[in-house]
Protein backbone atom coordinates (compact mmCIF):
# COMPACT_ATOMS: atom_id res chain seq x y z
CA MET A 1 1.38 -9.15 21.98
CA LYS A 2 4.04 -11.40 20.82
CA GLY A 3 4.31 -12.25 17.44
CA ASN A 4 5.95 -13.70 14.21
CA LEU A 5 5.29 -12.07 10.63
CA HIS A 6 7.51 -14.05 8.44
CA SER A 7 6.44 -18.13 8.10
CA HIS A 8 6.44 -21.14 5.76
CA THR A 9 4.31 -24.33 5.27
CA THR A 10 4.44 -27.37 3.11
CA ASN A 11 2.31 -24.81 0.62
CA SER A 12 5.73 -23.43 -0.48
CA ASP A 13 9.30 -24.65 1.07
CA GLY A 14 8.59 -24.58 4.40
CA LEU A 15 8.25 -28.89 6.03
CA LEU A 16 4.99 -27.90 8.34
CA THR A 17 1.54 -27.70 7.59
CA PRO A 18 -0.93 -24.60 7.91
CA SER A 19 -2.25 -26.08 10.94
CA GLN A 20 0.90 -27.85 12.56
CA LEU A 21 2.74 -24.07 11.97
CA VAL A 22 -0.16 -22.93 14.30
CA LEU A 23 -0.08 -24.77 17.27
CA LEU A 24 3.85 -24.67 16.90
CA TYR A 25 3.38 -20.59 17.50
CA LYS A 26 0.04 -21.09 19.73
CA THR A 27 2.27 -23.14 22.00
CA GLY A 28 5.11 -20.95 21.66
CA GLY A 29 3.08 -18.50 23.89
CA TYR A 30 2.74 -16.03 20.58
CA ASP A 31 -0.59 -13.98 20.15
CA PHE A 32 0.10 -13.62 16.43
CA LEU A 33 1.21 -14.93 13.05
CA SER A 34 1.07 -14.75 9.77
CA ILE A 35 1.78 -17.09 7.15
CA THR A 36 3.54 -15.69 4.25
CA ASP A 37 4.38 -18.77 1.61
CA HIS A 38 6.22 -17.70 -1.24
CA ASP A 39 3.90 -16.34 -4.07
CA LYS A 40 1.17 -17.66 -2.71
CA LEU A 41 -1.56 -16.47 0.18
CA THR A 42 -1.90 -19.80 2.31
CA ASP A 43 -5.77 -20.02 3.77
CA VAL A 44 -5.97 -19.36 6.96
CA GLU A 45 -9.63 -19.43 7.46
CA SER A 46 -9.84 -23.04 8.01
CA LEU A 47 -7.25 -23.14 10.56
CA GLU A 48 -8.37 -23.95 14.00
CA HIS A 49 -6.89 -20.51 15.66
CA GLU A 50 -7.89 -20.08 19.21
CA GLY A 51 -6.27 -17.80 21.22
CA ILE A 52 -3.77 -16.43 18.58
CA ILE A 53 -4.24 -13.57 15.42
CA LEU A 54 -3.36 -15.32 12.35
CA LEU A 55 -2.59 -12.18 9.70
CA PRO A 56 -2.74 -13.99 5.64
CA GLY A 57 0.26 -12.90 4.29
CA GLU A 58 2.10 -13.51 1.27
CA GLU A 59 6.48 -13.59 0.39
CA VAL A 60 6.42 -11.67 -2.85
CA SER A 61 9.56 -12.03 -5.18
CA ILE A 62 11.10 -9.88 -7.60
CA GLY A 63 14.35 -11.40 -9.00
CA LYS A 64 16.53 -10.98 -6.00
CA LEU A 65 14.41 -8.77 -3.51
CA HIS A 66 11.45 -10.52 -1.49
CA LEU A 67 8.85 -8.07 -0.09
CA VAL A 68 6.54 -9.82 2.62
CA ALA A 69 3.11 -8.68 2.38
CA PHE A 70 0.99 -8.89 5.76
CA ASN A 71 -2.92 -8.68 6.67
CA ILE A 72 -4.09 -8.96 2.88
CA LYS A 73 -6.92 -10.70 1.69
CA ARG A 74 -5.84 -11.83 -1.65
CA GLU A 75 -2.77 -13.35 -3.82
CA ILE A 76 -0.68 -10.28 -4.93
CA GLU A 77 0.33 -10.88 -8.41
CA ALA A 78 1.86 -7.33 -9.06
CA LYS A 79 5.52 -7.67 -9.92
CA ASP A 80 7.07 -4.36 -9.56
CA PRO A 81 7.95 -3.41 -5.92
CA GLU A 82 5.58 -0.21 -5.99
CA GLU A 83 3.24 -2.58 -7.11
CA VAL A 84 3.13 -4.20 -4.47
CA ILE A 85 3.14 -2.02 -1.82
CA LYS A 86 0.19 -0.65 -3.10
CA GLU A 87 -1.99 -3.35 -3.70
CA ALA A 88 -0.90 -4.50 -0.19
CA GLU A 89 -2.55 -1.28 1.29
CA SER A 90 -5.54 -1.62 -0.97
CA GLN A 91 -6.43 -4.79 1.06
CA GLY A 92 -5.57 -3.20 4.75
CA GLY A 93 -1.87 -4.71 4.41
CA GLU A 94 1.85 -3.53 5.00
CA VAL A 95 4.89 -4.62 3.48
CA ILE A 96 8.37 -5.02 4.66
CA VAL A 97 11.24 -5.54 3.19
CA ALA A 98 13.06 -9.78 3.52
CA HIS A 99 16.69 -10.25 4.39
CA PRO A 100 18.73 -7.49 2.92
CA TYR A 101 21.87 -9.12 3.65
CA TRP A 102 20.86 -12.41 2.49
CA SER A 103 19.63 -11.00 -0.91
CA SER A 104 22.23 -9.33 -1.24
CA LEU A 105 20.41 -5.65 -1.10
CA THR A 106 22.46 -2.42 -1.76
CA ILE A 107 21.24 0.68 0.28
CA GLU A 108 20.26 1.79 -3.48
CA ASP A 109 18.35 -0.86 -4.46
CA LEU A 110 16.60 -0.08 -0.78
CA GLU A 111 16.47 3.47 -1.45
CA ASN A 112 13.86 2.66 -4.57
CA ILE A 113 11.55 0.93 -2.58
CA LYS A 114 9.29 3.86 -1.97
CA GLY A 115 6.29 2.93 0.77
CA CYS A 116 7.34 -0.11 2.80
CA LEU A 117 7.24 -0.26 6.87
CA GLY A 118 10.23 -1.69 7.66
CA ILE A 119 13.03 -4.10 6.92
CA GLU A 120 13.79 -7.44 8.95
CA VAL A 121 16.67 -6.51 11.15
CA TYR A 122 17.56 -9.73 12.11
CA ASN A 123 16.21 -13.01 10.04
CA ALA A 124 16.77 -15.84 12.23
CA THR A 125 16.38 -18.30 9.26
CA CYS A 126 19.40 -16.54 7.41
CA GLU A 127 21.85 -16.44 10.20
CA ILE A 128 21.45 -19.92 11.60
CA SER A 129 21.85 -21.23 7.48
CA VAL A 130 24.47 -18.54 6.53
CA ALA A 131 24.80 -16.38 8.93
CA LYS A 132 23.68 -13.83 6.38
CA GLY A 133 20.92 -13.01 8.91
CA TYR A 134 21.55 -8.99 10.34
CA ALA A 135 20.64 -5.63 8.50
CA ASN A 136 21.90 -3.40 11.05
CA VAL A 137 24.00 -1.49 8.62
CA HIS A 138 21.62 -1.37 5.81
CA TRP A 139 19.30 -0.14 8.34
CA ASP A 140 21.27 2.58 10.15
CA ILE A 141 22.48 3.95 6.88
CA LEU A 142 18.80 4.69 5.19
CA LEU A 143 18.00 6.29 8.63
CA SER A 144 21.14 8.25 8.26
CA LYS A 145 20.03 8.68 4.57
CA GLY A 146 16.60 10.03 6.50
CA ARG A 147 14.69 7.54 5.59
CA ILE A 148 11.68 6.65 8.57
CA THR A 149 12.86 2.71 8.81
CA TYR A 150 11.35 0.18 10.82
CA GLY A 151 13.31 -2.45 12.07
CA PHE A 152 11.39 -6.30 12.64
CA ALA A 153 12.88 -9.49 13.73
CA VAL A 154 11.21 -12.71 12.02
CA ASP A 155 12.43 -16.92 12.03
CA ASP A 156 11.50 -16.83 8.74
CA ILE A 157 10.47 -19.97 9.67
CA HIS A 158 11.05 -22.93 6.91
CA ALA A 159 11.19 -25.96 10.00
CA GLY A 160 15.08 -26.87 9.36
CA GLY A 161 17.08 -29.40 11.63
CA LEU A 162 13.30 -30.90 11.82
CA ILE A 163 13.22 -33.94 14.63
CA PRO A 164 10.43 -35.80 15.76
CA TYR A 165 9.08 -34.12 19.25
CA ARG A 166 12.04 -31.12 18.90
CA ARG A 167 11.35 -27.81 18.00
CA PRO A 168 12.48 -26.90 14.42
CA SER A 169 15.93 -24.93 14.69
CA ASP A 170 14.30 -21.62 13.48
CA ALA A 171 11.33 -21.32 15.55
CA TYR A 172 11.20 -18.95 18.42
CA LYS A 173 14.35 -17.25 17.45
CA GLY A 174 13.07 -13.66 16.52
CA TRP A 175 9.89 -11.80 17.30
CA ILE A 176 8.27 -8.41 18.05
CA MET A 177 6.19 -7.55 20.78
CA VAL A 178 3.53 -4.62 19.75
CA LYS A 179 2.15 -2.26 21.97
CA VAL A 180 -1.97 -2.48 21.49
CA LYS A 181 -5.21 -0.85 22.39
CA GLU A 182 -6.87 -3.84 22.18
CA LYS A 183 -6.13 -7.54 21.47
CA ASN A 184 -7.48 -7.71 18.20
CA SER A 185 -5.87 -7.71 14.37
CA GLU A 186 -7.53 -4.09 13.72
CA SER A 187 -5.33 -2.75 16.93
CA LEU A 188 -2.31 -4.27 15.81
CA MET A 189 -2.08 -3.33 12.35
CA GLU A 190 -3.02 0.42 13.98
CA SER A 191 0.59 -0.07 16.72
CA LEU A 192 2.41 -1.73 13.72
CA ARG A 193 2.14 1.87 11.82
CA LYS A 194 3.10 3.84 14.37
CA GLY A 195 6.21 1.70 15.00
CA LEU A 196 4.91 0.97 18.47
CA PHE A 197 7.11 -2.02 18.93
CA TYR A 198 10.08 -3.45 19.58
CA SER A 199 12.26 -6.43 17.80
CA THR A 200 14.10 -9.07 19.85
CA MET A 201 15.89 -12.57 20.16
CA GLY A 202 14.67 -12.79 23.68
CA PRO A 203 16.21 -9.87 25.92
CA GLU A 204 13.01 -7.28 26.63
CA ILE A 205 12.61 -3.89 26.55
CA ARG A 206 10.63 -2.83 29.97
CA GLY A 207 10.25 0.62 29.43
CA LEU A 208 11.65 3.76 27.14
CA GLN A 209 11.39 7.37 28.12
CA VAL A 210 12.77 10.95 26.22
CA GLU A 211 12.82 13.45 27.93
CA ASP A 212 14.38 17.11 26.67
CA GLU A 213 17.95 15.70 25.73
CA ILE A 214 17.49 12.63 27.82
CA ILE A 215 17.19 9.54 26.40
CA ARG A 216 16.44 6.72 28.58
CA VAL A 217 15.40 2.58 28.64
CA LYS A 218 15.12 0.04 31.00
CA SER A 219 15.98 -3.61 29.67
CA SER A 220 16.04 -6.94 31.41
CA PRO A 221 19.41 -8.30 32.24
CA ALA A 222 22.23 -7.24 29.45
CA ARG A 223 26.06 -6.95 29.49
CA VAL A 224 26.05 -4.06 26.76
CA ILE A 225 23.45 -1.50 25.93
CA SER A 226 24.17 0.58 22.93
CA PHE A 227 22.38 4.22 21.58
CA ILE A 228 23.00 4.14 18.11
CA SER A 229 23.13 7.48 15.57
CA ARG A 230 24.62 8.40 12.50
CA ASN A 231 28.13 9.44 12.06
CA GLY A 232 30.25 8.86 15.18
CA LEU A 233 27.43 9.81 17.25
CA GLY A 234 25.67 7.63 20.19
CA LYS A 235 27.31 6.09 22.80
CA ARG A 236 27.85 2.26 24.59
CA PHE A 237 27.26 1.14 27.88
CA PHE A 238 28.81 -2.13 29.32
CA ALA A 239 28.32 -4.27 32.57
CA TYR A 240 31.41 -4.95 34.41
CA ASN A 241 30.90 -6.34 37.85
CA LYS A 242 26.53 -6.84 37.49
CA PRO A 243 23.96 -7.17 34.68
CA LEU A 244 22.95 -3.57 33.04
CA THR A 245 18.99 -2.74 33.35
CA GLU A 246 19.49 0.64 32.42
CA ALA A 247 21.03 3.17 30.41
CA ALA A 248 20.63 7.23 29.61
CA TYR A 249 22.28 9.01 26.67
CA VAL A 250 22.38 13.10 26.64
CA MET A 251 22.11 13.44 22.77
CA LYS A 252 24.58 15.88 21.74
CA GLY A 253 22.72 17.93 19.26
CA SER A 254 23.10 16.95 15.48
CA GLU A 255 21.68 13.17 16.25
CA SER A 256 19.07 12.97 13.48
CA TYR A 257 17.42 9.79 15.36
CA VAL A 258 18.52 7.26 17.44
CA ARG A 259 18.00 3.73 18.33
CA ILE A 260 19.05 1.35 20.95
CA GLU A 261 20.00 -2.37 21.05
CA ILE A 262 20.36 -4.95 24.03
CA GLU A 263 22.50 -7.44 24.15
CA ASP A 264 22.83 -10.04 26.93
CA GLU A 265 25.09 -12.53 28.28
CA LYS A 266 23.92 -15.11 25.37
CA GLY A 267 24.92 -12.43 22.55
CA ARG A 268 20.97 -12.63 21.70
CA ARG A 269 20.32 -8.63 20.80
CA ALA A 270 16.31 -6.61 20.96
CA TRP A 271 15.96 -3.53 19.14
CA THR A 272 13.58 -0.42 19.93
CA ASN A 273 12.70 1.38 16.60
CA PRO A 274 14.41 4.87 15.38
CA ILE A 275 13.72 7.22 17.82
CA ILE A 276 13.50 10.06 14.87
CA ILE A 277 14.78 14.08 16.15
CA ARG A 278 12.70 16.28 14.98
CA GLY A 279 14.48 19.89 13.39
CA LYS A 280 18.32 18.87 13.50
CA GLU A 281 20.83 18.48 10.95
């Protein structure tokens, strides 16, 4: 299932109404969408959403920290990060940290947040507007410290650059692909909690296999496939005469995690969630 977990409407600072936003993503072939207006829970029950799963959500602001809660039932009024996360979980939802780079969050800021599902590794609006959309470094430092953290690509759409009859410049730029047992919200949330998804700006991750000390990945045509781990571990593979569609990494024995990035000829990326190596230093 393809979806976006961070979006805004006219109920906060977005330029599209909730109905327009749902139609935009349905037209774009998305299977699910979370409307996460600032400090406000937008009612999605009254919206026409046949063919797309809508997860009610809210972007909760606590100073410079922004937390995206999705699959919730009521507005969250707590102003402490752990309280926000506990309240979301009590409602059947989850929380991710929005745009760490844009928010100027330090590693200490992120380490103090306990219980969130992950962070936004790519935020389209933040990248398009001020070139602060990536959080690869934040993600790797957390993983190197032993914090199992998932990475999410999102649009955070506000409908920037909106021109009549044209797609907004911050739509369809970052999304996640989730492996589910059934196409419903329950199965979707179960898979998200297990990390059974990858994030992308366009490239496809078509296969991932871990056997003994070898990690293999298959993808859509790529110019670079990177296996990223802690410190100086990992490896990059570059395309020469023809694009790459697969690569394999032999672990050295001291990795605590390995994650994979795919980059295509347009510079668009895709990210697996980290593969955790148990029993290593």
